[in-house]
Amino acid sequence: MTAHRPGEDLKQALRRSGSFAGTLRAVLWSFFGVRKGADYDKDVSQLNPLHVIVAGVLVAVLFVVGLLLLVNWVVGSGVAGT
């Protein structure tokens, strides 16, 4: 049995060479909430966790900004006010 050093799994995960575009696609699917089990397993084995964090924060910020713009547009158009 080999000795397991703490943090070794994370170091191996950070060396993964998954593309940022693939990571962004996986994050967008997760925001939508629909993902096949086989695709999820493939993502977990190939994606770089750092890319997943950056893409998740980026998509979340874009989502919030999009909602703010939509609300400002609706309120400014007079449809929501009486």
Protein backbone atom coordinates (compact mmCIF):
# COMPACT_ATOMS: atom_id res chain seq x y z
CA MET A 1 0.00 0.00 0.00
CA THR A 2 1.41 3.41 -0.96
CA ALA A 3 1.35 6.36 1.37
CA HIS A 4 -1.14 9.04 0.34
CA ARG A 5 0.04 12.60 0.84
CA PRO A 6 -2.55 15.28 1.62
CA GLY A 7 -3.28 17.53 -1.33
CA GLU A 8 -1.92 15.11 -3.94
CA ASP A 9 -5.39 14.63 -5.50
CA LEU A 10 -5.79 18.39 -5.85
CA LYS A 11 -2.39 18.74 -7.50
CA GLN A 12 -3.30 16.03 -10.00
CA ALA A 13 -6.66 17.68 -10.68
CA LEU A 14 -5.01 21.04 -11.33
CA ARG A 15 -2.75 19.42 -13.95
CA ARG A 16 -5.74 18.37 -16.06
CA SER A 17 -5.67 19.93 -19.49
CA GLY A 18 -9.38 20.38 -20.12
CA SER A 19 -10.14 23.38 -22.30
CA PHE A 20 -11.73 26.48 -20.84
CA ALA A 21 -14.41 26.32 -23.56
CA GLY A 22 -15.33 22.80 -22.46
CA THR A 23 -15.38 23.96 -18.86
CA LEU A 24 -17.63 26.88 -19.75
CA ARG A 25 -20.00 24.54 -21.58
CA ALA A 26 -20.18 22.24 -18.53
CA VAL A 27 -20.83 25.20 -16.21
CA LEU A 28 -23.59 26.53 -18.46
CA TRP A 29 -25.23 23.09 -18.49
CA SER A 30 -25.04 23.01 -14.70
CA PHE A 31 -26.75 26.40 -14.48
CA PHE A 32 -29.49 25.03 -16.71
CA GLY A 33 -29.74 21.97 -14.46
CA VAL A 34 -29.71 19.23 -17.07
CA ARG A 35 -26.71 16.93 -17.50
CA LYS A 36 -26.34 13.27 -18.43
CA GLY A 37 -24.60 11.08 -15.87
CA ALA A 38 -21.99 9.92 -18.38
CA ASP A 39 -21.20 13.51 -19.37
CA TYR A 40 -20.88 14.47 -15.71
CA ASP A 41 -18.42 11.63 -15.09
CA LYS A 42 -16.42 12.70 -18.14
CA ASP A 43 -16.34 16.32 -16.90
CA VAL A 44 -15.20 15.31 -13.42
CA SER A 45 -12.32 13.31 -14.85
CA GLN A 46 -11.17 15.92 -17.40
CA LEU A 47 -11.92 19.43 -16.16
CA ASN A 48 -9.48 21.56 -14.24
CA PRO A 49 -11.08 22.66 -10.92
CA LEU A 50 -9.56 26.13 -11.21
CA HIS A 51 -11.23 26.58 -14.61
CA VAL A 52 -14.54 25.43 -13.12
CA ILE A 53 -14.35 28.02 -10.32
CA VAL A 54 -13.43 30.87 -12.69
CA ALA A 55 -16.13 29.90 -15.20
CA GLY A 56 -18.73 29.54 -12.44
CA VAL A 57 -18.00 32.98 -11.00
CA LEU A 58 -17.96 34.52 -14.49
CA VAL A 59 -21.30 32.97 -15.48
CA ALA A 60 -22.86 33.94 -12.13
CA VAL A 61 -21.75 37.58 -12.56
CA LEU A 62 -23.06 37.67 -16.12
CA PHE A 63 -26.37 36.17 -14.95
CA VAL A 64 -26.80 38.79 -12.22
CA VAL A 65 -25.86 41.64 -14.57
CA GLY A 66 -28.32 40.30 -17.14
CA LEU A 67 -31.10 40.20 -14.53
CA LEU A 68 -30.32 43.75 -13.42
CA LEU A 69 -30.40 44.99 -17.01
CA LEU A 70 -33.71 43.20 -17.62
CA VAL A 71 -35.29 44.69 -14.48
CA ASN A 72 -34.05 48.19 -15.34
CA TRP A 73 -35.42 47.82 -18.86
CA VAL A 74 -38.84 46.65 -17.63
CA VAL A 75 -39.10 49.36 -14.99
CA GLY A 76 -37.88 52.03 -17.42
CA SER A 77 -40.37 51.02 -20.09
CA GLY A 78 -43.30 51.71 -17.78
CA VAL A 79 -44.78 48.23 -18.08
CA ALA A 80 -44.17 47.41 -14.41
CA GLY A 81 -45.27 50.74 -12.93
CA THR A 82 -48.70 52.17 -12.25
